[in-house]
């Protein structure tokens, strides 16, 4: 673990753990409920990648922007999004963060700087670049961070966004969550060369251990500082692994086939590789937390997830008429 740039307060370290654990437990709960047929649609879960969202968002403020992906629950919660509102949205309820009209792949909260998850692969590149351009024009020191997967890096808009961010020295941070798979395809079978080499032609580019929350935090802090100082964009490639499938119940899509083995998945669940287990061991070994501290956080997180489920279950179904009134900025909901 690299904690060189982290303020040495126990509460800061414990907050990182709590957010990672909240994402993990919230996603595991969705997996269970999906298999029970209790969700109105598919969900793409973030299990195994929690250190990236939490490490990155801990280096940002509410005024900074993020753009997300179809696997966006972790980004939403790490940036301060409300679990109750997110669950209600996934349940398709009026109490949802998007009034139940966006669903799992479109959670957003502008008040927290969350410009939205996106069902379009690579859809966040241009949005983040535009937000960074707006931030530069306002001159208020905002930064726009774009989360994306290695599969999205093969979209042409990736190069276009890096190019314009570089030319105009926009405060953009490109954060690639390289989990080695693109939907149901092993990435190295469809991607030529190294992604970091593509980015390095435009901006400072680095690879980081994406399962080390403090390492991610440290590198994003450096990139954010560069951006705020007017030095332009940065690229960070966080290497990680997606524990769950592309989406829950993906077996129905695979038809008996497989693109990775159960042994490979199990290897990434070990205490040595799992981001939460690794960080928990670090906290205990460094005397930054006791077993009782971590147990208390587990209890609080469990209670929060149960509360969010009850809140979503009790909500009102989304109003279909809203589809005619939510398309444009000046229309009333």
Protein backbone atom coordinates (compact mmCIF):
# COMPACT_ATOMS: atom_id res chain seq x y z
CA UNK A 1 0.00 0.00 0.00
CA UNK A 2 1.16 3.52 -0.82
CA UNK A 3 -0.17 6.06 1.70
CA UNK A 4 2.34 8.82 1.04
CA UNK A 5 -0.31 11.33 -0.05
CA UNK A 6 -3.03 10.45 2.43
CA UNK A 7 -3.75 12.70 5.38
CA UNK A 8 -2.74 10.59 8.41
CA UNK A 9 -6.09 10.61 10.20
CA UNK A 10 -7.65 7.33 11.18
CA UNK A 11 -11.08 8.60 10.16
CA UNK A 12 -9.85 9.19 6.61
CA UNK A 13 -8.52 5.65 6.33
CA UNK A 14 -11.70 4.18 7.83
CA UNK A 15 -13.87 6.23 5.48
CA UNK A 16 -12.18 4.58 2.50
CA UNK A 17 -12.89 1.17 3.99
CA UNK A 18 -16.52 2.02 4.73
CA UNK A 19 -17.17 3.24 1.19
CA UNK A 20 -15.57 0.19 -0.39
CA UNK A 21 -17.54 -2.09 1.89
CA UNK A 22 -20.79 -0.23 1.19
CA UNK A 23 -20.30 -0.72 -2.54
CA UNK A 24 -19.46 -4.41 -2.08
CA UNK A 25 -22.43 -5.19 0.16
CA UNK A 26 -24.84 -3.14 -1.96
CA UNK A 27 -23.75 -4.94 -5.11
CA UNK A 28 -23.78 -8.40 -3.53
CA UNK A 29 -27.34 -7.70 -2.40
CA UNK A 30 -28.37 -6.72 -5.92
CA UNK A 31 -26.83 -9.94 -7.25
CA UNK A 32 -28.90 -11.97 -4.80
CA UNK A 33 -32.13 -10.10 -5.53
CA UNK A 34 -31.56 -10.34 -9.28
CA UNK A 35 -31.26 -14.10 -9.07
CA UNK A 36 -34.50 -14.15 -7.08
CA UNK A 37 -36.25 -12.21 -9.83
CA UNK A 38 -36.94 -9.23 -7.58
CA UNK A 39 -35.39 -6.54 -9.81
CA UNK A 40 -37.15 -5.02 -12.82
CA UNK A 41 -34.12 -5.36 -15.09
CA UNK A 42 -30.50 -6.41 -15.49
CA UNK A 43 -27.66 -5.01 -13.38
CA UNK A 44 -23.94 -4.73 -14.17
CA UNK A 45 -22.09 -5.03 -10.88
CA UNK A 46 -18.84 -3.49 -9.65
CA UNK A 47 -17.67 -6.28 -7.34
CA UNK A 48 -13.88 -6.44 -7.28
CA UNK A 49 -13.21 -2.92 -8.53
CA UNK A 50 -14.21 -0.91 -5.45
CA UNK A 51 -10.72 0.44 -4.77
CA UNK A 52 -10.72 2.38 -8.03
CA UNK A 53 -13.94 4.32 -7.51
CA UNK A 54 -13.27 5.00 -3.85
CA UNK A 55 -9.61 5.90 -4.30
CA UNK A 56 -10.36 8.22 -7.21
CA UNK A 57 -13.40 9.97 -5.75
CA UNK A 58 -11.61 10.57 -2.46
CA UNK A 59 -9.30 12.89 -4.40
CA UNK A 60 -12.22 14.94 -5.76
CA UNK A 61 -14.67 17.47 -4.32
CA UNK A 62 -18.44 17.74 -4.83
CA UNK A 63 -17.70 20.50 -7.33
CA UNK A 64 -15.61 18.19 -9.49
CA UNK A 65 -17.37 16.17 -12.16
CA UNK A 66 -17.29 12.46 -12.94
CA UNK A 67 -18.74 10.52 -15.84
CA UNK A 68 -19.51 6.87 -15.38
CA UNK A 69 -20.30 3.66 -17.26
CA UNK A 70 -22.98 0.98 -17.42
CA UNK A 71 -21.12 -0.48 -14.37
CA UNK A 72 -21.68 2.72 -12.45
CA UNK A 73 -23.12 1.94 -9.01
CA UNK A 74 -19.66 2.00 -7.44
CA UNK A 75 -18.81 5.38 -8.94
CA UNK A 76 -22.13 6.80 -7.78
CA UNK A 77 -21.69 5.68 -4.18
CA UNK A 78 -18.00 6.57 -4.03
CA UNK A 79 -18.76 10.14 -5.15
CA UNK A 80 -21.30 10.57 -2.36
CA UNK A 81 -24.48 9.40 -4.07
CA UNK A 82 -27.30 8.25 -1.79
CA UNK A 83 -27.83 4.48 -1.56
CA UNK A 84 -31.55 4.85 -0.89
CA UNK A 85 -32.04 6.94 -4.02
CA UNK A 86 -29.90 4.58 -6.09
CA UNK A 87 -31.82 1.51 -5.00
CA UNK A 88 -35.14 3.26 -5.62
CA UNK A 89 -33.91 4.10 -9.11
CA UNK A 90 -32.91 0.51 -9.79
CA UNK A 91 -36.33 -0.58 -8.52
CA UNK A 92 -37.95 1.87 -10.98
CA UNK A 93 -39.54 4.04 -8.29
CA UNK A 94 -40.47 7.73 -8.25
CA UNK A 95 -38.21 8.21 -5.24
CA UNK A 96 -35.23 7.21 -7.37
CA UNK A 97 -32.44 9.64 -8.14
CA UNK A 98 -33.82 9.97 -11.69
CA UNK A 99 -37.46 9.50 -10.64
CA UNK A 100 -37.28 5.85 -11.66
CA UNK A 101 -36.85 6.70 -15.34
CA UNK A 102 -33.15 5.95 -15.70
CA UNK A 103 -32.70 2.62 -14.00
CA UNK A 104 -29.46 0.87 -13.11
CA UNK A 105 -27.38 2.19 -16.01
CA UNK A 106 -28.28 5.88 -15.70
CA UNK A 107 -27.86 6.95 -12.07
CA UNK A 108 -26.83 10.61 -11.80
CA UNK A 109 -26.72 13.41 -9.23
CA UNK A 110 -25.47 16.78 -10.43
CA UNK A 111 -25.38 18.10 -6.84
CA UNK A 112 -22.58 15.62 -6.17
CA UNK A 113 -20.83 16.20 -9.48
CA UNK A 114 -22.12 12.88 -10.88
CA UNK A 115 -22.93 13.58 -14.52
CA UNK A 116 -24.32 10.11 -14.91
CA UNK A 117 -23.75 6.48 -15.67
CA UNK A 118 -24.12 5.62 -19.34
CA UNK A 119 -25.43 2.61 -21.23
CA UNK A 120 -23.35 3.58 -24.28
CA UNK A 121 -19.84 2.13 -24.22
CA UNK A 122 -17.47 5.10 -24.26
CA UNK A 123 -20.36 7.51 -23.82
CA UNK A 124 -18.65 9.38 -20.99
CA UNK A 125 -15.56 10.53 -22.91
CA UNK A 126 -17.09 13.50 -24.71
CA UNK A 127 -19.28 14.41 -21.74
CA UNK A 128 -16.27 14.60 -19.41
CA UNK A 129 -14.27 16.54 -21.98
CA UNK A 130 -17.12 19.01 -22.40
CA UNK A 131 -17.43 19.37 -18.63
CA UNK A 132 -13.69 20.00 -18.42
CA UNK A 133 -13.97 22.67 -21.13
CA UNK A 134 -16.78 24.34 -19.21
CA UNK A 135 -14.70 24.21 -16.03
CA UNK A 136 -11.79 25.81 -17.83
CA UNK A 137 -14.00 28.62 -19.14
CA UNK A 138 -15.44 29.30 -15.68
CA UNK A 139 -11.99 29.30 -14.11
CA UNK A 140 -13.23 27.91 -10.79
CA UNK A 141 -10.72 25.06 -10.56
CA UNK A 142 -13.08 22.18 -11.30
CA UNK A 143 -11.80 18.90 -12.70
CA UNK A 144 -13.68 16.32 -14.79
CA UNK A 145 -12.77 12.66 -14.29
CA UNK A 146 -13.92 10.06 -16.79
CA UNK A 147 -14.26 6.45 -15.64
CA UNK A 148 -14.18 3.94 -18.50
CA UNK A 149 -13.28 0.34 -19.19
CA UNK A 150 -10.58 -1.10 -21.40
CA UNK A 151 -13.21 -2.10 -23.96
CA UNK A 152 -14.33 1.51 -24.31
CA UNK A 153 -10.75 2.53 -25.12
CA UNK A 154 -11.29 1.04 -28.60
CA UNK A 155 -13.94 3.64 -29.37
CA UNK A 156 -12.79 6.46 -31.64
CA UNK A 157 -14.12 9.12 -29.27
CA UNK A 158 -11.43 8.08 -26.78
CA UNK A 159 -8.69 9.38 -29.06
CA UNK A 160 -10.71 12.44 -30.02
CA UNK A 161 -11.33 13.36 -26.38
CA UNK A 162 -7.70 12.85 -25.39
CA UNK A 163 -6.58 14.92 -28.37
CA UNK A 164 -8.76 17.96 -27.67
CA UNK A 165 -8.06 17.73 -23.92
CA UNK A 166 -4.35 17.77 -24.70
CA UNK A 167 -4.47 20.59 -27.27
CA UNK A 168 -6.57 22.85 -25.04
CA UNK A 169 -4.95 21.69 -21.76
CA UNK A 170 -8.33 20.83 -20.31
CA UNK A 171 -8.65 19.70 -16.68
CA UNK A 172 -9.61 16.15 -17.67
CA UNK A 173 -8.54 12.96 -15.92
CA UNK A 174 -9.00 9.77 -17.94
CA UNK A 175 -9.26 6.79 -15.60
CA UNK A 176 -9.27 3.41 -17.35
CA UNK A 177 -10.54 0.50 -15.27
CA UNK A 178 -8.68 -2.27 -17.06
CA UNK A 179 -10.31 -5.48 -15.85
CA UNK A 180 -9.14 -7.56 -18.79
CA UNK A 181 -12.54 -8.35 -20.25
CA UNK A 182 -14.82 -6.53 -22.67
CA UNK A 183 -18.33 -7.82 -22.02
CA UNK A 184 -17.92 -11.54 -22.87
CA UNK A 185 -14.55 -11.22 -24.62
CA UNK A 186 -11.02 -11.39 -23.22
CA UNK A 187 -9.64 -7.95 -24.02
CA UNK A 188 -6.23 -8.96 -25.33
CA UNK A 189 -7.94 -10.86 -28.17
CA UNK A 190 -9.52 -7.68 -29.54
CA UNK A 191 -7.13 -4.91 -28.45
CA UNK A 192 -3.78 -4.31 -30.11
CA UNK A 193 -0.86 -2.87 -28.17
CA UNK A 194 -0.94 -1.27 -24.74
CA UNK A 195 -3.61 1.25 -23.88
CA UNK A 196 -1.17 3.29 -21.83
CA UNK A 197 0.93 3.79 -24.97
CA UNK A 198 -2.02 5.32 -26.79
CA UNK A 199 -2.55 7.82 -24.01
CA UNK A 200 1.14 8.67 -23.55
CA UNK A 201 1.17 10.29 -27.00
CA UNK A 202 -1.15 12.98 -25.61
CA UNK A 203 -0.51 13.34 -21.89
CA UNK A 204 1.25 11.94 -18.83
CA UNK A 205 0.13 8.31 -18.54
CA UNK A 206 0.69 5.78 -15.79
CA UNK A 207 -0.39 2.27 -14.77
CA UNK A 208 -1.43 1.67 -11.16
CA UNK A 209 -2.55 -1.32 -9.10
CA UNK A 210 -6.31 -0.84 -9.24
CA UNK A 211 -6.89 -3.09 -6.24
CA UNK A 212 -4.83 -0.83 -3.96
CA UNK A 213 -7.11 2.01 -2.87
CA UNK A 214 -4.27 4.17 -1.54
CA UNK A 215 -2.21 3.78 -4.70
CA UNK A 216 -5.20 4.84 -6.81
CA UNK A 217 -5.88 7.77 -4.49
CA UNK A 218 -2.26 8.92 -4.70
CA UNK A 219 -2.11 8.90 -8.51
CA UNK A 220 -5.48 10.59 -8.93
CA UNK A 221 -4.45 13.31 -6.47
CA UNK A 222 -1.40 14.03 -8.63
CA UNK A 223 -3.50 14.16 -11.79
CA UNK A 224 -6.09 16.42 -10.16
CA UNK A 225 -3.39 18.79 -8.96
CA UNK A 226 -1.96 19.02 -12.48
CA UNK A 227 -5.43 19.73 -13.86
CA UNK A 228 -6.21 22.42 -11.27
CA UNK A 229 -2.88 24.08 -11.99
CA UNK A 230 -3.72 24.42 -15.67
CA UNK A 231 -1.20 21.78 -16.74
CA UNK A 232 -3.73 19.75 -18.70
CA UNK A 233 -5.06 16.20 -18.70
CA UNK A 234 -3.70 12.91 -17.37
CA UNK A 235 -4.32 9.23 -18.03
CA UNK A 236 -4.37 6.61 -15.27
CA UNK A 237 -4.80 2.93 -16.05
CA UNK A 238 -5.94 1.00 -12.99
CA UNK A 239 -5.43 -2.72 -13.46
CA UNK A 240 -8.10 -4.79 -11.73
CA UNK A 241 -10.49 -7.68 -12.21
CA UNK A 242 -14.25 -7.97 -12.54
CA UNK A 243 -15.39 -10.69 -10.13
CA UNK A 244 -18.97 -10.99 -11.38
CA UNK A 245 -20.07 -11.44 -14.98
CA UNK A 246 -20.69 -8.71 -17.50
CA UNK A 247 -24.22 -8.65 -16.11
CA UNK A 248 -26.09 -10.84 -13.68
CA UNK A 249 -27.55 -14.00 -15.21
CA UNK A 250 -25.06 -13.76 -18.06
CA UNK A 251 -25.28 -17.54 -18.40
CA UNK A 252 -28.42 -16.99 -20.45
CA UNK A 253 -26.33 -15.05 -22.98
CA UNK A 254 -23.39 -17.46 -23.04
CA UNK A 255 -25.46 -20.54 -23.84
CA UNK A 256 -23.10 -22.87 -22.06
CA UNK A 257 -19.92 -21.22 -23.30
CA UNK A 258 -17.34 -19.46 -21.16
CA UNK A 259 -14.72 -16.76 -21.63
CA UNK A 260 -12.91 -17.24 -18.30
CA UNK A 261 -12.59 -20.08 -15.84
CA UNK A 262 -13.95 -20.43 -12.32
CA UNK A 263 -10.37 -20.99 -11.13
CA UNK A 264 -9.34 -17.60 -12.53
CA UNK A 265 -12.23 -15.87 -10.81
CA UNK A 266 -11.49 -17.64 -7.53
CA UNK A 267 -7.87 -16.50 -7.67
CA UNK A 268 -9.02 -12.88 -7.63
CA UNK A 269 -11.25 -13.49 -4.62
CA UNK A 270 -8.29 -14.36 -2.39
CA UNK A 271 -7.28 -12.11 0.49
CA UNK A 272 -4.06 -11.27 -1.33
CA UNK A 273 -5.87 -9.84 -4.37
CA UNK A 274 -9.32 -8.74 -3.23
CA UNK A 275 -9.17 -4.94 -2.73
CA UNK A 276 -11.22 -4.91 0.46
CA UNK A 277 -9.43 -7.81 2.13
CA UNK A 278 -6.07 -6.27 1.22
CA UNK A 279 -7.01 -2.91 2.67
CA UNK A 280 -8.50 -4.46 5.79
CA UNK A 281 -5.23 -6.32 6.42
CA UNK A 282 -3.32 -3.07 5.91
CA UNK A 283 -5.47 -1.19 8.43
CA UNK A 284 -5.01 -3.88 11.06
CA UNK A 285 -1.28 -4.32 10.47
CA UNK A 286 -0.70 -0.55 10.60
CA UNK A 287 -2.78 -0.16 13.76
CA UNK A 288 -5.03 2.31 11.92
CA UNK A 289 -8.07 0.30 12.94
CA UNK A 290 -9.01 -2.49 15.31
CA UNK A 291 -11.07 -5.54 14.53
CA UNK A 292 -13.86 -3.95 16.58
CA UNK A 293 -13.71 -0.79 14.42
CA UNK A 294 -14.10 -2.81 11.24
CA UNK A 295 -16.88 -4.94 12.71
CA UNK A 296 -18.79 -1.80 13.65
CA UNK A 297 -18.47 -0.50 10.09
CA UNK A 298 -19.74 -3.84 8.78
CA UNK A 299 -22.80 -3.54 11.01
CA UNK A 300 -23.47 0.03 9.89
CA UNK A 301 -23.14 -0.89 6.22
CA UNK A 302 -25.43 -3.89 6.61
CA UNK A 303 -28.05 -1.71 8.27
CA UNK A 304 -27.76 0.89 5.50
CA UNK A 305 -28.33 -1.72 2.80
CA UNK A 306 -31.36 -3.18 4.57
CA UNK A 307 -32.78 0.31 5.03
CA UNK A 308 -32.27 1.09 1.33
CA UNK A 309 -34.06 -2.11 0.28
CA UNK A 310 -37.04 -1.24 2.48
CA UNK A 311 -37.08 2.31 1.12
CA UNK A 312 -37.08 1.09 -2.47
CA UNK A 313 -39.71 -1.56 -1.83
CA UNK A 314 -42.03 1.00 -0.26
CA UNK A 315 -41.67 3.50 -3.10
CA UNK A 316 -44.19 4.38 -5.81
CA UNK A 317 -43.75 3.07 -9.32
CA UNK A 318 -42.32 5.55 -11.80
CA UNK A 319 -44.81 7.70 -13.72
CA UNK A 320 -44.64 6.82 -17.45
CA UNK A 321 -45.88 10.30 -18.33
CA UNK A 322 -42.53 11.68 -17.20
CA UNK A 323 -41.00 10.33 -20.40
CA UNK A 324 -42.67 13.25 -22.17
CA UNK A 325 -41.38 15.90 -19.77
CA UNK A 326 -37.81 14.94 -18.85
CA UNK A 327 -36.09 15.24 -22.21
CA UNK A 328 -35.17 18.92 -22.07
CA UNK A 329 -33.66 21.15 -19.40
CA UNK A 330 -36.50 23.67 -19.15
CA UNK A 331 -39.31 21.13 -18.83
CA UNK A 332 -40.86 20.57 -15.43
CA UNK A 333 -40.95 17.09 -13.92
